[in-house]
Amino acid sequence: MTHPEPFSGIHTTAVVDETTVVPPTSSIGPYTVIGPEVEIGEGVRIGPHVFIERDTRVGEDVRISKGAVLGTDPQDLKYGGERTFLEIGPRTRIREFATINRGTAASGITKVGADALIMSYAHIAHDCRIGDHVVLANSVNMGGHVEIGDWAIVGGLTPIHQFVRIGRHSMVGGASRIDRDVAPYTIAAGSPAFSFGINRIGLERRGFNSDSIGQLKIAFRQIFRTEIPLRIALDQIEDEHHTKEVRELIDFIRTSERGIIPSRSGLATNMEPNIDPHAPPSPT
């Protein structure tokens, strides 16, 4: 059985603003609408019924499937019409009916990194920062200002609270409710969510050696499964372990403003925000 060659060029039913340049190596499918000041890289494939509103940069070899909506105004009542942007990194795949908003004046941009997979019906809100090789499964929905580190995987039907950070090489189970930060290299799941350990299988698949994974396991037990106050536990680990992964884990927890998803077997109070309890609350 032979398959038809992919459509090349701009379909006659597509509407493309005169300020948008489409390279000859890229294609735009039927009934797609592309607004002003959109930059499309080489080798991009945009399917039918896609809407890109404005001020969006699409990297080379990106694939955008039917019905996706990109570069629309942020869903934020504080947005006052200021010019902001959306940036999609090279080779990222955006599947059917995913939606991605531009940024607000707070940062000016929403960014999705390279080689990411954004599955159907996922929503990336204003000012979010999505790293490289990230996978967002179907119907992941996030509030504004969420940060997701490189190689993180988020399971389907997961809501993510605004300003939450999900660390590099972590994995979030499907239908979890993420209202606090997920530490790098860990697995979190549930509603409410708990941390269940180090993402060993994911790290092994990405070439991490047994010593690095072993040191992360030790650090996880000392941080998440102890009654020692968090600051003291972090200081002790810093004195005992020197791998760059453990240092990253410590720095991530120390800089958390929302607190860290705790371990089910540990004390939830041990993972509260590492900030002055008398300081004003962070905006949400």
C-alpha atoms as a PDB file:
ATOM      1  CA  MET A   1       0.000   0.000   0.000  1.00  0.00           C
ATOM      2  CA  THR A   2       1.377   3.383  -0.951  1.00  0.00           C
ATOM      3  CA  HIS A   3       0.856   6.508   1.102  1.00  0.00           C
ATOM      4  CA  PRO A   4       0.291   9.945  -0.451  1.00  0.00           C
ATOM      5  CA  GLU A   5       3.101  12.451  -0.290  1.00  0.00           C
ATOM      6  CA  PRO A   6       2.598  15.148   2.391  1.00  0.00           C
ATOM      7  CA  PHE A   7       1.108  18.369   1.081  1.00  0.00           C
ATOM      8  CA  SER A   8       3.685  21.076   0.383  1.00  0.00           C
ATOM      9  CA  GLY A   9       3.100  24.804   0.057  1.00  0.00           C
ATOM     10  CA  ILE A  10       0.092  26.806   1.224  1.00  0.00           C
ATOM     11  CA  HIS A  11      -3.315  25.295   0.610  1.00  0.00           C
ATOM     12  CA  THR A  12      -5.680  27.505  -1.368  1.00  0.00           C
ATOM     13  CA  THR A  13      -8.172  27.621   1.512  1.00  0.00           C
ATOM     14  CA  ALA A  14      -5.582  28.722   4.098  1.00  0.00           C
ATOM     15  CA  VAL A  15      -5.497  32.378   5.189  1.00  0.00           C
ATOM     16  CA  VAL A  16      -2.006  33.728   5.907  1.00  0.00           C
ATOM     17  CA  ASP A  17      -1.323  37.312   6.954  1.00  0.00           C
ATOM     18  CA  GLU A  18       0.915  39.276   4.600  1.00  0.00           C
ATOM     19  CA  THR A  19       3.461  39.835   7.397  1.00  0.00           C
ATOM     20  CA  THR A  20       4.049  36.088   7.763  1.00  0.00           C
ATOM     21  CA  VAL A  21       6.620  34.438   5.523  1.00  0.00           C
ATOM     22  CA  VAL A  22       6.282  30.725   4.794  1.00  0.00           C
ATOM     23  CA  PRO A  23       9.515  29.082   3.553  1.00  0.00           C
ATOM     24  CA  PRO A  24       9.138  26.934   0.428  1.00  0.00           C
ATOM     25  CA  THR A  25      10.127  23.858   2.466  1.00  0.00           C
ATOM     26  CA  SER A  26       7.167  24.322   4.840  1.00  0.00           C
ATOM     27  CA  SER A  27       3.477  23.618   4.328  1.00  0.00           C
ATOM     28  CA  ILE A  28       0.152  24.945   5.617  1.00  0.00           C
ATOM     29  CA  GLY A  29      -2.933  22.762   5.426  1.00  0.00           C
ATOM     30  CA  PRO A  30      -6.543  23.479   4.467  1.00  0.00           C
ATOM     31  CA  TYR A  31      -8.556  26.091   6.348  1.00  0.00           C
ATOM     32  CA  THR A  32      -5.659  27.074   8.582  1.00  0.00           C
ATOM     33  CA  VAL A  33      -5.501  30.728   9.660  1.00  0.00           C
ATOM     34  CA  ILE A  34      -2.209  32.442  10.494  1.00  0.00           C
ATOM     35  CA  GLY A  35      -2.213  36.003  11.780  1.00  0.00           C
ATOM     36  CA  PRO A  36       0.366  38.797  11.776  1.00  0.00           C
ATOM     37  CA  GLU A  37       4.048  38.620  12.706  1.00  0.00           C
ATOM     38  CA  VAL A  38       4.354  34.840  12.753  1.00  0.00           C
ATOM     39  CA  GLU A  39       7.773  33.364  11.938  1.00  0.00           C
ATOM     40  CA  ILE A  40       7.769  29.876  10.445  1.00  0.00           C
ATOM     41  CA  GLY A  41      11.008  27.919  10.205  1.00  0.00           C
ATOM     42  CA  GLU A  42      12.190  25.562   7.486  1.00  0.00           C
ATOM     43  CA  GLY A  43      10.510  22.195   7.110  1.00  0.00           C
ATOM     44  CA  VAL A  44       7.473  23.030   9.268  1.00  0.00           C
ATOM     45  CA  ARG A  45       4.283  21.063   8.674  1.00  0.00           C
ATOM     46  CA  ILE A  46       1.051  22.759   9.796  1.00  0.00           C
ATOM     47  CA  GLY A  47      -2.086  20.654   9.456  1.00  0.00           C
ATOM     48  CA  PRO A  48      -5.674  21.643   8.642  1.00  0.00           C
ATOM     49  CA  HIS A  49      -7.852  23.942  10.761  1.00  0.00           C
ATOM     50  CA  VAL A  50      -4.913  25.263  12.797  1.00  0.00           C
ATOM     51  CA  PHE A  51      -5.123  28.799  14.206  1.00  0.00           C
ATOM     52  CA  ILE A  52      -1.977  30.809  15.023  1.00  0.00           C
ATOM     53  CA  GLU A  53      -3.189  34.218  16.157  1.00  0.00           C
ATOM     54  CA  ARG A  54      -0.064  36.402  16.142  1.00  0.00           C
ATOM     55  CA  ASP A  55       3.509  37.078  17.366  1.00  0.00           C
ATOM     56  CA  THR A  56       4.598  33.438  17.323  1.00  0.00           C
ATOM     57  CA  ARG A  57       7.962  31.923  16.351  1.00  0.00           C
ATOM     58  CA  VAL A  58       7.807  28.328  15.100  1.00  0.00           C
ATOM     59  CA  GLY A  59      11.177  26.544  14.883  1.00  0.00           C
ATOM     60  CA  GLU A  60      12.371  24.331  12.058  1.00  0.00           C
ATOM     61  CA  ASP A  61      10.786  20.923  11.450  1.00  0.00           C
ATOM     62  CA  VAL A  62       7.947  21.532  13.918  1.00  0.00           C
ATOM     63  CA  ARG A  63       4.767  19.488  13.353  1.00  0.00           C
ATOM     64  CA  ILE A  64       1.404  21.044  14.271  1.00  0.00           C
ATOM     65  CA  SER A  65      -1.655  18.799  13.979  1.00  0.00           C
ATOM     66  CA  LYS A  66      -5.275  19.517  13.147  1.00  0.00           C
ATOM     67  CA  GLY A  67      -7.142  22.042  15.257  1.00  0.00           C
ATOM     68  CA  ALA A  68      -4.245  23.244  17.424  1.00  0.00           C
ATOM     69  CA  VAL A  69      -4.549  26.870  18.585  1.00  0.00           C
ATOM     70  CA  LEU A  70      -1.321  28.800  19.199  1.00  0.00           C
ATOM     71  CA  GLY A  71      -0.280  32.335  20.048  1.00  0.00           C
ATOM     72  CA  THR A  72      -3.613  33.490  21.411  1.00  0.00           C
ATOM     73  CA  ASP A  73      -4.030  36.172  24.078  1.00  0.00           C
ATOM     74  CA  PRO A  74      -3.194  35.062  27.629  1.00  0.00           C
ATOM     75  CA  GLN A  75      -6.140  34.061  29.792  1.00  0.00           C
ATOM     76  CA  ASP A  76      -5.203  36.537  32.497  1.00  0.00           C
ATOM     77  CA  LEU A  77      -7.430  39.396  33.646  1.00  0.00           C
ATOM     78  CA  LYS A  78      -4.313  41.553  34.163  1.00  0.00           C
ATOM     79  CA  TYR A  79      -3.419  41.320  30.479  1.00  0.00           C
ATOM     80  CA  GLY A  80      -3.756  44.772  28.951  1.00  0.00           C
ATOM     81  CA  GLY A  81      -3.087  44.113  25.291  1.00  0.00           C
ATOM     82  CA  GLU A  82       0.697  44.551  25.483  1.00  0.00           C
ATOM     83  CA  ARG A  83       2.707  42.855  22.754  1.00  0.00           C
ATOM     84  CA  THR A  84       3.977  39.473  23.896  1.00  0.00           C
ATOM     85  CA  PHE A  85       5.242  36.326  22.200  1.00  0.00           C
ATOM     86  CA  LEU A  86       5.111  32.564  21.902  1.00  0.00           C
ATOM     87  CA  GLU A  87       8.155  30.536  20.884  1.00  0.00           C
ATOM     88  CA  ILE A  88       8.120  26.893  19.786  1.00  0.00           C
ATOM     89  CA  GLY A  89      11.485  25.115  19.596  1.00  0.00           C
ATOM     90  CA  PRO A  90      12.744  23.004  16.688  1.00  0.00           C
ATOM     91  CA  ARG A  91      11.317  19.541  15.985  1.00  0.00           C
ATOM     92  CA  THR A  92       8.577  19.857  18.590  1.00  0.00           C
ATOM     93  CA  ARG A  93       5.323  18.037  17.846  1.00  0.00           C
ATOM     94  CA  ILE A  94       2.005  19.629  18.797  1.00  0.00           C
ATOM     95  CA  ARG A  95      -0.922  17.259  18.478  1.00  0.00           C
ATOM     96  CA  GLU A  96      -4.618  17.783  17.816  1.00  0.00           C
ATOM     97  CA  PHE A  97      -6.463  20.590  19.608  1.00  0.00           C
ATOM     98  CA  ALA A  98      -3.606  21.566  21.934  1.00  0.00           C
ATOM     99  CA  THR A  99      -3.703  25.244  22.980  1.00  0.00           C
ATOM    100  CA  ILE A 100      -0.757  27.503  23.832  1.00  0.00           C
ATOM    101  CA  ASN A 101      -1.119  31.168  24.885  1.00  0.00           C
ATOM    102  CA  ARG A 102       1.372  33.997  24.510  1.00  0.00           C
ATOM    103  CA  GLY A 103       2.999  35.570  27.576  1.00  0.00           C
ATOM    104  CA  THR A 104       2.037  38.637  29.600  1.00  0.00           C
ATOM    105  CA  ALA A 105       4.000  41.687  30.671  1.00  0.00           C
ATOM    106  CA  ALA A 106       5.371  39.600  33.564  1.00  0.00           C
ATOM    107  CA  SER A 107       7.871  37.856  31.267  1.00  0.00           C
ATOM    108  CA  GLY A 108       6.778  38.772  27.751  1.00  0.00           C
ATOM    109  CA  ILE A 109       6.928  35.235  26.383  1.00  0.00           C
ATOM    110  CA  THR A 110       5.708  31.668  26.612  1.00  0.00           C
ATOM    111  CA  LYS A 111       8.382  29.165  25.527  1.00  0.00           C
ATOM    112  CA  VAL A 112       8.277  25.535  24.479  1.00  0.00           C
ATOM    113  CA  GLY A 113      11.688  23.940  23.944  1.00  0.00           C
ATOM    114  CA  ALA A 114      13.078  21.669  21.256  1.00  0.00           C
ATOM    115  CA  ASP A 115      12.037  18.057  20.599  1.00  0.00           C
ATOM    116  CA  ALA A 116       9.004  18.275  22.894  1.00  0.00           C
ATOM    117  CA  LEU A 117       5.782  16.314  22.436  1.00  0.00           C
ATOM    118  CA  ILE A 118       2.598  18.168  23.330  1.00  0.00           C
ATOM    119  CA  MET A 119      -0.272  15.691  23.046  1.00  0.00           C
ATOM    120  CA  SER A 120      -3.925  16.298  22.230  1.00  0.00           C
ATOM    121  CA  TYR A 121      -5.956  18.814  24.250  1.00  0.00           C
ATOM    122  CA  ALA A 122      -2.993  19.869  26.408  1.00  0.00           C
ATOM    123  CA  HIS A 123      -3.044  23.516  27.479  1.00  0.00           C
ATOM    124  CA  ILE A 124       0.089  25.623  28.051  1.00  0.00           C
ATOM    125  CA  ALA A 125      -0.824  28.924  29.678  1.00  0.00           C
ATOM    126  CA  HIS A 126       0.803  32.347  29.600  1.00  0.00           C
ATOM    127  CA  ASP A 127       4.448  32.779  30.655  1.00  0.00           C
ATOM    128  CA  CYS A 128       5.069  29.035  30.970  1.00  0.00           C
ATOM    129  CA  ARG A 129       8.564  27.694  30.227  1.00  0.00           C
ATOM    130  CA  ILE A 130       8.715  24.150  28.855  1.00  0.00           C
ATOM    131  CA  GLY A 131      12.166  22.612  28.409  1.00  0.00           C
ATOM    132  CA  ASP A 132      13.650  20.370  25.727  1.00  0.00           C
ATOM    133  CA  HIS A 133      12.456  16.761  25.229  1.00  0.00           C
ATOM    134  CA  VAL A 134       9.458  17.315  27.513  1.00  0.00           C
ATOM    135  CA  VAL A 135       6.387  15.098  27.044  1.00  0.00           C
ATOM    136  CA  LEU A 136       2.956  16.426  28.033  1.00  0.00           C
ATOM    137  CA  ALA A 137       0.363  13.687  27.650  1.00  0.00           C
ATOM    138  CA  ASN A 138      -3.256  14.206  26.638  1.00  0.00           C
ATOM    139  CA  SER A 139      -5.216  16.904  28.470  1.00  0.00           C
ATOM    140  CA  VAL A 140      -2.440  18.162  30.726  1.00  0.00           C
ATOM    141  CA  ASN A 141      -3.653  21.602  31.828  1.00  0.00           C
ATOM    142  CA  MET A 142      -1.416  24.162  33.443  1.00  0.00           C
ATOM    143  CA  GLY A 143      -1.839  27.586  34.950  1.00  0.00           C
ATOM    144  CA  GLY A 144       0.406  30.529  34.160  1.00  0.00           C
ATOM    145  CA  HIS A 145       4.129  30.756  34.932  1.00  0.00           C
ATOM    146  CA  VAL A 146       4.653  26.991  35.193  1.00  0.00           C
ATOM    147  CA  GLU A 147       8.221  25.786  34.546  1.00  0.00           C
ATOM    148  CA  ILE A 148       8.948  22.252  33.353  1.00  0.00           C
ATOM    149  CA  GLY A 149      12.570  21.140  33.063  1.00  0.00           C
ATOM    150  CA  ASP A 150      14.232  19.159  30.278  1.00  0.00           C
ATOM    151  CA  TRP A 151      13.201  15.510  29.788  1.00  0.00           C
ATOM    152  CA  ALA A 152      10.292  15.718  32.238  1.00  0.00           C
ATOM    153  CA  ILE A 153       7.184  13.631  31.478  1.00  0.00           C
ATOM    154  CA  VAL A 154       3.702  14.610  32.691  1.00  0.00           C
ATOM    155  CA  GLY A 155       0.903  12.050  32.507  1.00  0.00           C
ATOM    156  CA  GLY A 156      -2.496  12.775  31.003  1.00  0.00           C
ATOM    157  CA  LEU A 157      -5.360  14.629  32.704  1.00  0.00           C
ATOM    158  CA  THR A 158      -2.959  16.324  35.132  1.00  0.00           C
ATOM    159  CA  PRO A 159      -3.740  19.876  36.327  1.00  0.00           C
ATOM    160  CA  ILE A 160      -0.700  21.963  37.305  1.00  0.00           C
ATOM    161  CA  HIS A 161      -1.113  24.988  39.575  1.00  0.00           C
ATOM    162  CA  GLN A 162       0.295  28.336  38.462  1.00  0.00           C
ATOM    163  CA  PHE A 163       3.918  29.087  39.407  1.00  0.00           C
ATOM    164  CA  VAL A 164       4.697  25.397  39.989  1.00  0.00           C
ATOM    165  CA  ARG A 165       8.072  24.044  38.866  1.00  0.00           C
ATOM    166  CA  ILE A 166       8.598  20.473  37.655  1.00  0.00           C
ATOM    167  CA  GLY A 167      12.269  19.533  37.732  1.00  0.00           C
ATOM    168  CA  ARG A 168      14.400  17.947  35.049  1.00  0.00           C
ATOM    169  CA  HIS A 169      14.159  14.197  34.372  1.00  0.00           C
ATOM    170  CA  SER A 170      11.134  13.858  36.641  1.00  0.00           C
ATOM    171  CA  MET A 171       7.950  11.944  35.911  1.00  0.00           C
ATOM    172  CA  VAL A 172       4.403  12.844  36.975  1.00  0.00           C
ATOM    173  CA  GLY A 173       1.744  10.139  36.909  1.00  0.00           C
ATOM    174  CA  GLY A 174      -1.516  10.618  35.061  1.00  0.00           C
ATOM    175  CA  ALA A 175      -4.478  12.369  36.701  1.00  0.00           C
ATOM    176  CA  SER A 176      -2.259  13.770  39.457  1.00  0.00           C
ATOM    177  CA  ARG A 177      -3.003  17.136  41.061  1.00  0.00           C
ATOM    178  CA  ILE A 178       0.229  19.134  41.133  1.00  0.00           C
ATOM    179  CA  ASP A 179      -0.015  22.141  43.442  1.00  0.00           C
ATOM    180  CA  ARG A 180       3.607  22.194  44.633  1.00  0.00           C
ATOM    181  CA  ASP A 181       7.002  21.758  43.001  1.00  0.00           C
ATOM    182  CA  VAL A 182       8.138  18.342  41.778  1.00  0.00           C
ATOM    183  CA  ALA A 183      11.813  17.780  42.602  1.00  0.00           C
ATOM    184  CA  PRO A 184      14.138  16.875  39.706  1.00  0.00           C
ATOM    185  CA  TYR A 185      14.894  13.179  39.080  1.00  0.00           C
ATOM    186  CA  THR A 186      11.847  12.050  41.082  1.00  0.00           C
ATOM    187  CA  ILE A 187       8.492  10.378  40.428  1.00  0.00           C
ATOM    188  CA  ALA A 188       5.314  12.021  41.715  1.00  0.00           C
ATOM    189  CA  ALA A 189       1.716  10.848  41.399  1.00  0.00           C
ATOM    190  CA  GLY A 190      -1.701  10.993  43.029  1.00  0.00           C
ATOM    191  CA  SER A 191      -4.336  13.492  44.092  1.00  0.00           C
ATOM    192  CA  PRO A 192      -3.040  14.857  46.355  1.00  0.00           C
ATOM    193  CA  ALA A 193       0.336  13.994  44.881  1.00  0.00           C
ATOM    194  CA  PHE A 194       3.209  12.318  46.681  1.00  0.00           C
ATOM    195  CA  SER A 195       6.834  11.665  45.703  1.00  0.00           C
ATOM    196  CA  PHE A 196       7.560   7.952  45.379  1.00  0.00           C
ATOM    197  CA  GLY A 197      11.298   7.878  44.719  1.00  0.00           C
ATOM    198  CA  ILE A 198      13.908   8.459  42.064  1.00  0.00           C
ATOM    199  CA  ASN A 199      12.961   8.068  38.386  1.00  0.00           C
ATOM    200  CA  ARG A 200      15.435   5.200  38.025  1.00  0.00           C
ATOM    201  CA  ILE A 201      14.158   3.664  34.793  1.00  0.00           C
ATOM    202  CA  GLY A 202      13.987   7.033  33.044  1.00  0.00           C
ATOM    203  CA  LEU A 203      17.494   7.934  34.171  1.00  0.00           C
ATOM    204  CA  GLU A 204      18.908   4.579  33.059  1.00  0.00           C
ATOM    205  CA  ARG A 205      17.343   5.010  29.625  1.00  0.00           C
ATOM    206  CA  ARG A 206      19.054   8.391  29.320  1.00  0.00           C
ATOM    207  CA  GLY A 207      22.491   7.060  30.194  1.00  0.00           C
ATOM    208  CA  PHE A 208      22.908   8.034  33.852  1.00  0.00           C
ATOM    209  CA  ASN A 209      25.419   5.755  35.544  1.00  0.00           C
ATOM    210  CA  SER A 210      24.676   3.603  38.584  1.00  0.00           C
ATOM    211  CA  ASP A 211      26.735   5.813  40.927  1.00  0.00           C
ATOM    212  CA  SER A 212      24.741   8.953  40.064  1.00  0.00           C
ATOM    213  CA  ILE A 213      21.446   7.107  40.485  1.00  0.00           C
ATOM    214  CA  GLY A 214      22.618   5.543  43.753  1.00  0.00           C
ATOM    215  CA  GLN A 215      23.624   8.917  45.198  1.00  0.00           C
ATOM    216  CA  LEU A 216      20.239  10.348  44.231  1.00  0.00           C
ATOM    217  CA  LYS A 217      18.484   7.465  46.001  1.00  0.00           C
ATOM    218  CA  ILE A 218      20.454   8.114  49.191  1.00  0.00           C
ATOM    219  CA  ALA A 219      19.717  11.837  49.008  1.00  0.00           C
ATOM    220  CA  PHE A 220      16.016  11.156  48.409  1.00  0.00           C
ATOM    221  CA  ARG A 221      15.768   9.020  51.552  1.00  0.00           C
ATOM    222  CA  GLN A 222      17.555  11.637  53.629  1.00  0.00           C
ATOM    223  CA  ILE A 223      15.337  14.471  52.370  1.00  0.00           C
ATOM    224  CA  PHE A 224      11.910  12.880  51.922  1.00  0.00           C
ATOM    225  CA  ARG A 225      11.836  10.122  54.527  1.00  0.00           C
ATOM    226  CA  THR A 226      13.122  11.746  57.652  1.00  0.00           C
ATOM    227  CA  GLU A 227      11.837  13.853  60.494  1.00  0.00           C
ATOM    228  CA  ILE A 228      14.952  16.029  60.382  1.00  0.00           C
ATOM    229  CA  PRO A 229      14.096  19.672  59.543  1.00  0.00           C
ATOM    230  CA  LEU A 230      14.521  20.283  55.858  1.00  0.00           C
ATOM    231  CA  ARG A 231      17.277  22.895  56.099  1.00  0.00           C
ATOM    232  CA  ILE A 232      19.382  20.622  58.310  1.00  0.00           C
ATOM    233  CA  ALA A 233      18.840  17.615  56.033  1.00  0.00           C
ATOM    234  CA  LEU A 234      19.929  19.602  52.989  1.00  0.00           C
ATOM    235  CA  ASP A 235      23.053  20.849  54.762  1.00  0.00           C
ATOM    236  CA  GLN A 236      23.974  17.312  55.778  1.00  0.00           C
ATOM    237  CA  ILE A 237      23.521  15.950  52.268  1.00  0.00           C
ATOM    238  CA  GLU A 238      25.561  18.780  50.803  1.00  0.00           C
ATOM    239  CA  ASP A 239      28.447  17.814  53.087  1.00  0.00           C
ATOM    240  CA  GLU A 240      28.205  14.111  52.223  1.00  0.00           C
ATOM    241  CA  HIS A 241      27.378  13.973  48.492  1.00  0.00           C
ATOM    242  CA  HIS A 242      29.048  15.798  45.649  1.00  0.00           C
ATOM    243  CA  THR A 243      27.506  14.603  42.378  1.00  0.00           C
ATOM    244  CA  LYS A 244      26.097  17.354  40.189  1.00  0.00           C
ATOM    245  CA  GLU A 245      22.676  15.675  40.209  1.00  0.00           C
ATOM    246  CA  VAL A 246      22.465  15.765  44.006  1.00  0.00           C
ATOM    247  CA  ARG A 247      23.610  19.391  44.040  1.00  0.00           C
ATOM    248  CA  GLU A 248      20.867  20.206  41.516  1.00  0.00           C
ATOM    249  CA  LEU A 249      18.303  18.446  43.705  1.00  0.00           C
ATOM    250  CA  ILE A 250      19.421  20.450  46.758  1.00  0.00           C
ATOM    251  CA  ASP A 251      19.437  23.781  44.915  1.00  0.00           C
ATOM    252  CA  PHE A 252      15.973  23.126  43.463  1.00  0.00           C
ATOM    253  CA  ILE A 253      14.477  22.443  46.892  1.00  0.00           C
ATOM    254  CA  ARG A 254      16.190  25.436  48.487  1.00  0.00           C
ATOM    255  CA  THR A 255      14.809  27.788  45.870  1.00  0.00           C
ATOM    256  CA  SER A 256      11.253  26.420  46.004  1.00  0.00           C
ATOM    257  CA  GLU A 257       8.641  29.034  46.811  1.00  0.00           C
ATOM    258  CA  ARG A 258       5.587  26.775  46.716  1.00  0.00           C
ATOM    259  CA  GLY A 259       7.105  23.873  48.659  1.00  0.00           C
ATOM    260  CA  ILE A 260       7.961  20.396  47.370  1.00  0.00           C
ATOM    261  CA  ILE A 261       5.596  17.472  46.785  1.00  0.00           C
ATOM    262  CA  PRO A 262       6.271  15.296  49.879  1.00  0.00           C
ATOM    263  CA  SER A 263       6.808  11.575  50.247  1.00  0.00           C
ATOM    264  CA  ARG A 264       3.824   9.567  51.492  1.00  0.00           C
ATOM    265  CA  SER A 265       6.003   7.939  54.142  1.00  0.00           C
ATOM    266  CA  GLY A 266       7.639  11.207  55.205  1.00  0.00           C
ATOM    267  CA  LEU A 267       6.318  14.238  57.041  1.00  0.00           C
ATOM    268  CA  ALA A 268       4.445  16.651  54.777  1.00  0.00           C
ATOM    269  CA  THR A 269       5.513  19.514  57.017  1.00  0.00           C
ATOM    270  CA  ASN A 270       9.130  18.728  56.214  1.00  0.00           C
ATOM    271  CA  MET A 271       8.575  19.811  52.609  1.00  0.00           C
ATOM    272  CA  GLU A 272       6.876  23.146  53.222  1.00  0.00           C
ATOM    273  CA  PRO A 273       8.223  26.213  51.363  1.00  0.00           C
ATOM    274  CA  ASN A 274      11.799  27.021  52.294  1.00  0.00           C
ATOM    275  CA  ILE A 275      11.052  30.693  52.951  1.00  0.00           C
ATOM    276  CA  ASP A 276      10.632  33.026  55.884  1.00  0.00           C
ATOM    277  CA  PRO A 277       7.247  32.135  57.435  1.00  0.00           C
ATOM    278  CA  HIS A 278       6.665  35.810  58.247  1.00  0.00           C
ATOM    279  CA  ALA A 279       7.311  36.995  54.686  1.00  0.00           C
ATOM    280  CA  PRO A 280       4.381  38.041  52.456  1.00  0.00           C
ATOM    281  CA  PRO A 281       2.910  35.150  50.458  1.00  0.00           C
ATOM    282  CA  SER A 282       3.989  34.618  46.867  1.00  0.00           C
ATOM    283  CA  PRO A 283       1.486  35.705  44.201  1.00  0.00           C
ATOM    284  CA  THR A 284      -0.748  32.933  42.843  1.00  0.00           C
END
